Amino acid sequence: MKFGPGHPLAYPVCVTIGALVVCLAWAPFGDLDQVAALATVALGILGYTGSQLARALGYLTNGLADIGPPRGNTARSDGGSQFGTDGSADSGRGRETEGGHGLRTVEIKRVRQQHRLVSRSWLEITENYRTRWLPVFFEPALLGMTATEADVTDTSVDTATLHLYPSGKARTSEPPGRLIDNPSRRDPDAAILATDSARVRRRLLLDAQSTVAAPFAALMWIYVAAGGFIAFLAATSVAAATAIWLAAIRGSDPS
């Protein structure tokens, strides 16, 4: 799959590449222990990025498989049956995809989470009087999204106009921190706000908030492994790059 400039996964992929480049750039200047530490960081970045992208692209489940009634137990809370005797959905709200993942039509709305230095977009997904919260990678269209219906499977979420990319697994309780709902009506300034929010420089500056801890992490590394000023600079830059990468790959929201 190609990630163009406007693709929701383009920014986290580019930040991942940048973090790996920072690790690689310092490798020629380190001793064996320092190079081993850089390799460990790089492998951790690659491993977590791989799992995040696999979930976003549908190779791993998003945790929504249990949002509806268990398969084979289709009784509804009103005493009726969701499925006919032939296994088809009576209202088109539950069906099976070719790959065997249950496809359901559910109600969703977008909420923005603000918790300490964390800012992420979540989908509040409601079906059968049950609610799940699913984190998704940011894209500008989310700013103007009102409550709507979406087709949900174990691996994907699609509205009539958007394919949304999960940035983690769904949870049964509200995300911590302050949750800000999208307006019930589309904001006329949503397009302008979306353009400003999608700027790479803005996203990097917001994700860089957590780098304030990078010098302290570097000092701890120098204390444990020894080293001079160059080692301190290397450890600081690697810690900062890793902090920015972690915010981006978890689906940071710049809005």
C-alpha atoms as a PDB file:
ATOM      1  CA  MET A   1       0.000   0.000   0.000  1.00  0.00           C
ATOM      2  CA  LYS A   2       1.245   3.472  -0.902  1.00  0.00           C
ATOM      3  CA  PHE A   3       1.168   6.198   1.715  1.00  0.00           C
ATOM      4  CA  GLY A   4       0.702   9.540  -0.034  1.00  0.00           C
ATOM      5  CA  PRO A   5       1.194  12.888   1.732  1.00  0.00           C
ATOM      6  CA  GLY A   6      -2.451  13.033   2.821  1.00  0.00           C
ATOM      7  CA  HIS A   7      -2.711   9.442   4.011  1.00  0.00           C
ATOM      8  CA  PRO A   8      -3.423   9.056   7.756  1.00  0.00           C
ATOM      9  CA  LEU A   9      -0.466   6.671   8.106  1.00  0.00           C
ATOM     10  CA  ALA A  10       2.002   8.843   6.189  1.00  0.00           C
ATOM     11  CA  TYR A  11       2.966  10.989   9.185  1.00  0.00           C
ATOM     12  CA  PRO A  12       3.611   8.148  11.685  1.00  0.00           C
ATOM     13  CA  VAL A  13       5.570   6.199   9.047  1.00  0.00           C
ATOM     14  CA  CYS A  14       7.757   9.232   8.261  1.00  0.00           C
ATOM     15  CA  VAL A  15       8.371   9.904  11.969  1.00  0.00           C
ATOM     16  CA  THR A  16       9.331   6.248  12.417  1.00  0.00           C
ATOM     17  CA  ILE A  17      11.862   6.530   9.605  1.00  0.00           C
ATOM     18  CA  GLY A  18      13.229   9.698  11.191  1.00  0.00           C
ATOM     19  CA  ALA A  19      13.682   7.997  14.567  1.00  0.00           C
ATOM     20  CA  LEU A  20      15.511   5.095  12.935  1.00  0.00           C
ATOM     21  CA  VAL A  21      17.763   7.520  11.044  1.00  0.00           C
ATOM     22  CA  VAL A  22      18.698   9.230  14.327  1.00  0.00           C
ATOM     23  CA  CYS A  23      19.667   5.861  15.833  1.00  0.00           C
ATOM     24  CA  LEU A  24      21.679   4.933  12.741  1.00  0.00           C
ATOM     25  CA  ALA A  25      23.436   8.300  12.592  1.00  0.00           C
ATOM     26  CA  TRP A  26      24.944   7.887  16.073  1.00  0.00           C
ATOM     27  CA  ALA A  27      26.002   4.257  15.635  1.00  0.00           C
ATOM     28  CA  PRO A  28      29.473   5.014  14.119  1.00  0.00           C
ATOM     29  CA  PHE A  29      30.389   7.137  17.153  1.00  0.00           C
ATOM     30  CA  GLY A  30      29.538   4.628  19.871  1.00  0.00           C
ATOM     31  CA  ASP A  31      31.370   1.781  21.511  1.00  0.00           C
ATOM     32  CA  LEU A  32      30.038  -1.768  21.533  1.00  0.00           C
ATOM     33  CA  ASP A  33      27.663  -1.227  24.474  1.00  0.00           C
ATOM     34  CA  GLN A  34      26.312   2.003  23.039  1.00  0.00           C
ATOM     35  CA  VAL A  35      25.762   0.464  19.593  1.00  0.00           C
ATOM     36  CA  ALA A  36      23.953  -2.446  21.248  1.00  0.00           C
ATOM     37  CA  ALA A  37      21.695   0.021  23.071  1.00  0.00           C
ATOM     38  CA  LEU A  38      20.953   1.852  19.809  1.00  0.00           C
ATOM     39  CA  ALA A  39      20.156  -1.466  18.125  1.00  0.00           C
ATOM     40  CA  THR A  40      17.789  -2.369  20.960  1.00  0.00           C
ATOM     41  CA  VAL A  41      15.961   0.946  20.609  1.00  0.00           C
ATOM     42  CA  ALA A  42      15.752   0.534  16.827  1.00  0.00           C
ATOM     43  CA  LEU A  43      14.376  -3.009  17.134  1.00  0.00           C
ATOM     44  CA  GLY A  44      11.791  -1.814  19.653  1.00  0.00           C
ATOM     45  CA  ILE A  45      10.721   0.960  17.274  1.00  0.00           C
ATOM     46  CA  LEU A  46      10.440  -1.469  14.362  1.00  0.00           C
ATOM     47  CA  GLY A  47       8.528  -4.061  16.385  1.00  0.00           C
ATOM     48  CA  TYR A  48       5.936  -1.699  17.830  1.00  0.00           C
ATOM     49  CA  THR A  49       5.532   0.146  14.533  1.00  0.00           C
ATOM     50  CA  GLY A  50       4.950  -3.170  12.772  1.00  0.00           C
ATOM     51  CA  SER A  51       2.209  -4.171  15.202  1.00  0.00           C
ATOM     52  CA  GLN A  52       0.535  -0.750  14.968  1.00  0.00           C
ATOM     53  CA  LEU A  53       0.559  -0.768  11.172  1.00  0.00           C
ATOM     54  CA  ALA A  54      -0.663  -4.369  11.082  1.00  0.00           C
ATOM     55  CA  ARG A  55      -3.654  -3.392  13.206  1.00  0.00           C
ATOM     56  CA  ALA A  56      -4.311  -0.241  11.186  1.00  0.00           C
ATOM     57  CA  LEU A  57      -4.247  -2.178   7.902  1.00  0.00           C
ATOM     58  CA  GLY A  58      -6.473  -4.956   9.180  1.00  0.00           C
ATOM     59  CA  TYR A  59      -3.960  -7.762   9.697  1.00  0.00           C
ATOM     60  CA  LEU A  60      -4.646  -7.734  13.450  1.00  0.00           C
ATOM     61  CA  THR A  61      -8.023  -7.420  15.134  1.00  0.00           C
ATOM     62  CA  ASN A  62      -9.042  -4.098  16.626  1.00  0.00           C
ATOM     63  CA  GLY A  63     -10.832  -5.536  19.658  1.00  0.00           C
ATOM     64  CA  LEU A  64     -14.346  -4.878  18.377  1.00  0.00           C
ATOM     65  CA  ALA A  65     -15.192  -8.526  17.770  1.00  0.00           C
ATOM     66  CA  ASP A  66     -17.161  -8.718  21.001  1.00  0.00           C
ATOM     67  CA  ILE A  67     -19.128  -5.489  20.647  1.00  0.00           C
ATOM     68  CA  GLY A  68     -22.231  -7.280  19.458  1.00  0.00           C
ATOM     69  CA  PRO A  69     -23.881 -10.456  20.726  1.00  0.00           C
ATOM     70  CA  PRO A  70     -21.647 -13.549  20.633  1.00  0.00           C
ATOM     71  CA  ARG A  71     -21.851 -15.382  17.359  1.00  0.00           C
ATOM     72  CA  GLY A  72     -24.319 -18.193  17.614  1.00  0.00           C
ATOM     73  CA  ASN A  73     -26.213 -16.337  20.376  1.00  0.00           C
ATOM     74  CA  THR A  74     -28.259 -13.768  18.525  1.00  0.00           C
ATOM     75  CA  ALA A  75     -31.024 -13.021  20.990  1.00  0.00           C
ATOM     76  CA  ARG A  76     -31.697  -9.310  21.317  1.00  0.00           C
ATOM     77  CA  SER A  77     -32.482  -7.494  24.501  1.00  0.00           C
ATOM     78  CA  ASP A  78     -36.064  -6.924  23.345  1.00  0.00           C
ATOM     79  CA  GLY A  79     -36.673 -10.648  23.165  1.00  0.00           C
ATOM     80  CA  GLY A  80     -36.536 -10.745  19.377  1.00  0.00           C
ATOM     81  CA  SER A  81     -34.021 -12.397  17.162  1.00  0.00           C
ATOM     82  CA  GLN A  82     -31.424 -10.459  15.220  1.00  0.00           C
ATOM     83  CA  PHE A  83     -31.024 -13.207  12.662  1.00  0.00           C
ATOM     84  CA  GLY A  84     -33.480 -15.249  10.656  1.00  0.00           C
ATOM     85  CA  THR A  85     -33.434 -19.013  10.542  1.00  0.00           C
ATOM     86  CA  ASP A  86     -31.264 -18.921   7.440  1.00  0.00           C
ATOM     87  CA  GLY A  87     -28.557 -16.910   9.269  1.00  0.00           C
ATOM     88  CA  SER A  88     -29.230 -13.661   7.426  1.00  0.00           C
ATOM     89  CA  ALA A  89     -29.680 -10.414   9.304  1.00  0.00           C
ATOM     90  CA  ASP A  90     -33.243  -9.273   9.582  1.00  0.00           C
ATOM     91  CA  SER A  91     -32.377  -5.608   9.172  1.00  0.00           C
ATOM     92  CA  GLY A  92     -29.035  -5.760   7.426  1.00  0.00           C
ATOM     93  CA  ARG A  93     -27.211  -4.799  10.630  1.00  0.00           C
ATOM     94  CA  GLY A  94     -25.283  -8.015  11.092  1.00  0.00           C
ATOM     95  CA  ARG A  95     -23.664 -10.023   8.317  1.00  0.00           C
ATOM     96  CA  GLU A  96     -20.511 -11.946   7.516  1.00  0.00           C
ATOM     97  CA  THR A  97     -17.738 -10.777   5.241  1.00  0.00           C
ATOM     98  CA  GLU A  98     -15.949 -13.108   2.870  1.00  0.00           C
ATOM     99  CA  GLY A  99     -13.054 -13.447   5.336  1.00  0.00           C
ATOM    100  CA  GLY A 100     -15.389 -14.524   8.129  1.00  0.00           C
ATOM    101  CA  HIS A 101     -15.230 -11.279  10.121  1.00  0.00           C
ATOM    102  CA  GLY A 102     -18.635 -10.125  11.341  1.00  0.00           C
ATOM    103  CA  LEU A 103     -19.735  -6.967   9.540  1.00  0.00           C
ATOM    104  CA  ARG A 104     -22.131  -4.805  11.540  1.00  0.00           C
ATOM    105  CA  THR A 105     -23.605  -1.359  11.096  1.00  0.00           C
ATOM    106  CA  VAL A 106     -23.129   0.659  14.286  1.00  0.00           C
ATOM    107  CA  GLU A 107     -23.435   4.209  15.555  1.00  0.00           C
ATOM    108  CA  ILE A 108     -20.169   6.105  15.934  1.00  0.00           C
ATOM    109  CA  LYS A 109     -18.999   9.557  16.896  1.00  0.00           C
ATOM    110  CA  ARG A 110     -15.560  11.063  17.208  1.00  0.00           C
ATOM    111  CA  VAL A 111     -14.182  12.325  20.515  1.00  0.00           C
ATOM    112  CA  ARG A 112     -10.855  13.984  21.197  1.00  0.00           C
ATOM    113  CA  GLN A 113      -8.919  12.879  24.263  1.00  0.00           C
ATOM    114  CA  GLN A 114      -6.686  15.254  26.214  1.00  0.00           C
ATOM    115  CA  HIS A 115      -4.777  13.533  29.022  1.00  0.00           C
ATOM    116  CA  ARG A 116      -1.610  15.167  30.333  1.00  0.00           C
ATOM    117  CA  LEU A 117       0.582  15.441  27.216  1.00  0.00           C
ATOM    118  CA  VAL A 118      -1.472  12.868  25.312  1.00  0.00           C
ATOM    119  CA  SER A 119      -3.944  13.960  22.644  1.00  0.00           C
ATOM    120  CA  ARG A 120      -5.670  11.293  20.516  1.00  0.00           C
ATOM    121  CA  SER A 121      -8.764  10.774  18.392  1.00  0.00           C
ATOM    122  CA  TRP A 122     -11.192   8.071  19.504  1.00  0.00           C
ATOM    123  CA  LEU A 123     -14.358   6.646  18.031  1.00  0.00           C
ATOM    124  CA  GLU A 124     -17.197   6.105  20.462  1.00  0.00           C
ATOM    125  CA  ILE A 125     -18.927   3.055  19.007  1.00  0.00           C
ATOM    126  CA  THR A 126     -22.369   2.005  20.209  1.00  0.00           C
ATOM    127  CA  GLU A 127     -24.238  -1.179  19.353  1.00  0.00           C
ATOM    128  CA  ASN A 128     -26.839  -3.179  21.250  1.00  0.00           C
ATOM    129  CA  TYR A 129     -26.723  -0.660  24.117  1.00  0.00           C
ATOM    130  CA  ARG A 130     -23.010  -1.325  24.580  1.00  0.00           C
ATOM    131  CA  THR A 131     -20.221   1.167  23.957  1.00  0.00           C
ATOM    132  CA  ARG A 132     -16.579   0.734  23.038  1.00  0.00           C
ATOM    133  CA  TRP A 133     -13.881   3.344  22.479  1.00  0.00           C
ATOM    134  CA  LEU A 134     -11.464   2.751  19.613  1.00  0.00           C
ATOM    135  CA  PRO A 135      -8.384   4.972  19.013  1.00  0.00           C
ATOM    136  CA  VAL A 136      -7.794   5.911  15.379  1.00  0.00           C
ATOM    137  CA  PHE A 137      -5.018   7.643  13.470  1.00  0.00           C
ATOM    138  CA  PHE A 138      -5.752  11.304  12.887  1.00  0.00           C
ATOM    139  CA  GLU A 139      -6.936  12.606   9.568  1.00  0.00           C
ATOM    140  CA  PRO A 140      -8.333  16.088   8.854  1.00  0.00           C
ATOM    141  CA  ALA A 141     -11.801  14.780   7.924  1.00  0.00           C
ATOM    142  CA  LEU A 142     -12.336  13.740  11.552  1.00  0.00           C
ATOM    143  CA  LEU A 143     -12.707  17.375  12.590  1.00  0.00           C
ATOM    144  CA  GLY A 144     -15.933  17.755  10.617  1.00  0.00           C
ATOM    145  CA  MET A 145     -17.368  14.319  11.344  1.00  0.00           C
ATOM    146  CA  THR A 146     -20.717  14.270  13.110  1.00  0.00           C
ATOM    147  CA  ALA A 147     -22.423  11.247  14.674  1.00  0.00           C
ATOM    148  CA  THR A 148     -23.048   8.741  11.911  1.00  0.00           C
ATOM    149  CA  GLU A 149     -23.343   5.076  11.046  1.00  0.00           C
ATOM    150  CA  ALA A 150     -20.330   2.959  10.133  1.00  0.00           C
ATOM    151  CA  ASP A 151     -19.648  -0.567   8.975  1.00  0.00           C
ATOM    152  CA  VAL A 152     -17.446  -2.282  11.564  1.00  0.00           C
ATOM    153  CA  THR A 153     -15.639  -5.604  11.359  1.00  0.00           C
ATOM    154  CA  ASP A 154     -13.018  -7.250  13.551  1.00  0.00           C
ATOM    155  CA  THR A 155     -10.360  -5.372  11.556  1.00  0.00           C
ATOM    156  CA  SER A 156     -11.864  -2.234   9.997  1.00  0.00           C
ATOM    157  CA  VAL A 157     -14.160   0.764  10.434  1.00  0.00           C
ATOM    158  CA  ASP A 158     -15.759   2.449   7.409  1.00  0.00           C
ATOM    159  CA  THR A 159     -18.262   5.273   7.127  1.00  0.00           C
ATOM    160  CA  ALA A 160     -19.922   6.287   3.877  1.00  0.00           C
ATOM    161  CA  THR A 161     -16.975   8.547   3.037  1.00  0.00           C
ATOM    162  CA  LEU A 162     -14.064   7.495   5.276  1.00  0.00           C
ATOM    163  CA  HIS A 163     -11.931   4.458   5.950  1.00  0.00           C
ATOM    164  CA  LEU A 164     -10.577   4.873   9.477  1.00  0.00           C
ATOM    165  CA  TYR A 165      -7.342   3.299  10.678  1.00  0.00           C
ATOM    166  CA  PRO A 166      -7.256   1.963  14.275  1.00  0.00           C
ATOM    167  CA  SER A 167      -4.225   3.067  16.296  1.00  0.00           C
ATOM    168  CA  GLY A 168      -4.796   0.584  19.097  1.00  0.00           C
ATOM    169  CA  LYS A 169      -7.291  -1.871  20.542  1.00  0.00           C
ATOM    170  CA  ALA A 170     -10.799  -0.971  21.595  1.00  0.00           C
ATOM    171  CA  ARG A 171     -11.528  -0.566  25.289  1.00  0.00           C
ATOM    172  CA  THR A 172     -14.711  -1.011  27.322  1.00  0.00           C
ATOM    173  CA  SER A 173     -14.206   2.026  29.567  1.00  0.00           C
ATOM    174  CA  GLU A 174     -13.766   5.680  28.707  1.00  0.00           C
ATOM    175  CA  PRO A 175     -10.194   6.764  27.948  1.00  0.00           C
ATOM    176  CA  PRO A 176      -8.636   8.708  30.830  1.00  0.00           C
ATOM    177  CA  GLY A 177      -8.524  12.476  30.803  1.00  0.00           C
ATOM    178  CA  ARG A 178     -10.808  15.019  29.208  1.00  0.00           C
ATOM    179  CA  LEU A 179     -12.965  13.859  26.285  1.00  0.00           C
ATOM    180  CA  ILE A 180     -14.223  16.512  23.853  1.00  0.00           C
ATOM    181  CA  ASP A 181     -17.103  15.564  21.571  1.00  0.00           C
ATOM    182  CA  ASN A 182     -17.341  16.771  17.999  1.00  0.00           C
ATOM    183  CA  PRO A 183     -20.168  19.283  17.407  1.00  0.00           C
ATOM    184  CA  SER A 184     -23.553  17.733  16.614  1.00  0.00           C
ATOM    185  CA  ARG A 185     -23.583  19.819  13.430  1.00  0.00           C
ATOM    186  CA  ARG A 186     -20.702  20.216  11.029  1.00  0.00           C
ATOM    187  CA  ASP A 187     -18.536  23.218  11.870  1.00  0.00           C
ATOM    188  CA  PRO A 188     -18.424  25.595   8.854  1.00  0.00           C
ATOM    189  CA  ASP A 189     -14.770  26.299   9.684  1.00  0.00           C
ATOM    190  CA  ALA A 190     -13.867  22.590   9.827  1.00  0.00           C
ATOM    191  CA  ALA A 191     -12.013  22.675   6.498  1.00  0.00           C
ATOM    192  CA  ILE A 192      -9.802  25.568   7.633  1.00  0.00           C
ATOM    193  CA  LEU A 193      -9.108  23.963  10.994  1.00  0.00           C
ATOM    194  CA  ALA A 194      -8.335  20.656   9.285  1.00  0.00           C
ATOM    195  CA  THR A 195      -5.798  22.279   6.971  1.00  0.00           C
ATOM    196  CA  ASP A 196      -4.027  23.980   9.870  1.00  0.00           C
ATOM    197  CA  SER A 197      -4.033  20.837  12.008  1.00  0.00           C
ATOM    198  CA  ALA A 198      -2.549  18.668   9.272  1.00  0.00           C
ATOM    199  CA  ARG A 199       0.610  20.757   8.885  1.00  0.00           C
ATOM    200  CA  VAL A 200       3.653  18.606   9.586  1.00  0.00           C
ATOM    201  CA  ARG A 201       5.462  21.315  11.543  1.00  0.00           C
ATOM    202  CA  ARG A 202       2.475  21.753  13.859  1.00  0.00           C
ATOM    203  CA  ARG A 203       2.226  18.011  14.412  1.00  0.00           C
ATOM    204  CA  LEU A 204       5.930  17.704  15.193  1.00  0.00           C
ATOM    205  CA  LEU A 205       5.817  20.607  17.649  1.00  0.00           C
ATOM    206  CA  LEU A 206       2.857  19.117  19.493  1.00  0.00           C
ATOM    207  CA  ASP A 207       4.384  15.633  19.582  1.00  0.00           C
ATOM    208  CA  ALA A 208       7.654  17.119  20.822  1.00  0.00           C
ATOM    209  CA  GLN A 209       6.087  18.160  24.139  1.00  0.00           C
ATOM    210  CA  SER A 210       7.144  14.880  25.712  1.00  0.00           C
ATOM    211  CA  THR A 211      10.795  15.438  24.758  1.00  0.00           C
ATOM    212  CA  VAL A 212      11.259  17.567  27.888  1.00  0.00           C
ATOM    213  CA  ALA A 213      12.225  14.339  29.649  1.00  0.00           C
ATOM    214  CA  ALA A 214      14.895  13.450  27.055  1.00  0.00           C
ATOM    215  CA  PRO A 215      17.854  15.205  28.806  1.00  0.00           C
ATOM    216  CA  PHE A 216      17.000  13.490  32.098  1.00  0.00           C
ATOM    217  CA  ALA A 217      16.876  10.104  30.379  1.00  0.00           C
ATOM    218  CA  ALA A 218      20.253  10.913  28.811  1.00  0.00           C
ATOM    219  CA  LEU A 219      21.737  11.837  32.185  1.00  0.00           C
ATOM    220  CA  MET A 220      20.541   8.546  33.619  1.00  0.00           C
ATOM    221  CA  TRP A 221      22.137   6.699  30.704  1.00  0.00           C
ATOM    222  CA  ILE A 222      25.443   8.535  31.230  1.00  0.00           C
ATOM    223  CA  TYR A 223      25.315   7.690  34.928  1.00  0.00           C
ATOM    224  CA  VAL A 224      24.722   3.982  34.238  1.00  0.00           C
ATOM    225  CA  ALA A 225      26.921   3.431  31.182  1.00  0.00           C
ATOM    226  CA  ALA A 226      29.385   6.327  31.547  1.00  0.00           C
ATOM    227  CA  GLY A 227      30.417   8.502  28.632  1.00  0.00           C
ATOM    228  CA  GLY A 228      31.206  12.102  27.830  1.00  0.00           C
ATOM    229  CA  PHE A 229      29.431  15.044  26.269  1.00  0.00           C
ATOM    230  CA  ILE A 230      29.055  13.322  22.883  1.00  0.00           C
ATOM    231  CA  ALA A 231      27.358  10.366  24.535  1.00  0.00           C
ATOM    232  CA  PHE A 232      25.022  12.787  26.328  1.00  0.00           C
ATOM    233  CA  LEU A 233      24.095  14.473  23.036  1.00  0.00           C
ATOM    234  CA  ALA A 234      23.509  11.107  21.395  1.00  0.00           C
ATOM    235  CA  ALA A 235      21.356   9.809  24.232  1.00  0.00           C
ATOM    236  CA  THR A 236      19.346  13.054  24.350  1.00  0.00           C
ATOM    237  CA  SER A 237      18.637  13.071  20.605  1.00  0.00           C
ATOM    238  CA  VAL A 238      17.713   9.381  20.560  1.00  0.00           C
ATOM    239  CA  ALA A 239      15.407   9.799  23.564  1.00  0.00           C
ATOM    240  CA  ALA A 240      13.762  12.852  21.957  1.00  0.00           C
ATOM    241  CA  ALA A 241      13.298  11.088  18.618  1.00  0.00           C
ATOM    242  CA  THR A 242      11.818   8.069  20.388  1.00  0.00           C
ATOM    243  CA  ALA A 243       9.386  10.250  22.363  1.00  0.00           C
ATOM    244  CA  ILE A 244       8.141  11.952  19.184  1.00  0.00           C
ATOM    245  CA  TRP A 245       7.871   8.593  17.425  1.00  0.00           C
ATOM    246  CA  LEU A 246       5.851   7.063  20.280  1.00  0.00           C
ATOM    247  CA  ALA A 247       3.335   9.924  20.194  1.00  0.00           C
ATOM    248  CA  ALA A 248       2.985   9.673  16.410  1.00  0.00           C
ATOM    249  CA  ILE A 249       2.671   5.893  16.177  1.00  0.00           C
ATOM    250  CA  ARG A 250      -0.025   5.845  18.884  1.00  0.00           C
ATOM    251  CA  GLY A 251      -2.141   8.224  16.801  1.00  0.00           C
ATOM    252  CA  SER A 252      -1.520  11.710  18.199  1.00  0.00           C
ATOM    253  CA  ASP A 253      -4.186  14.311  17.431  1.00  0.00           C
ATOM    254  CA  PRO A 254      -2.915  17.808  16.504  1.00  0.00           C
ATOM    255  CA  SER A 255      -6.354  19.439  16.528  1.00  0.00           C
END
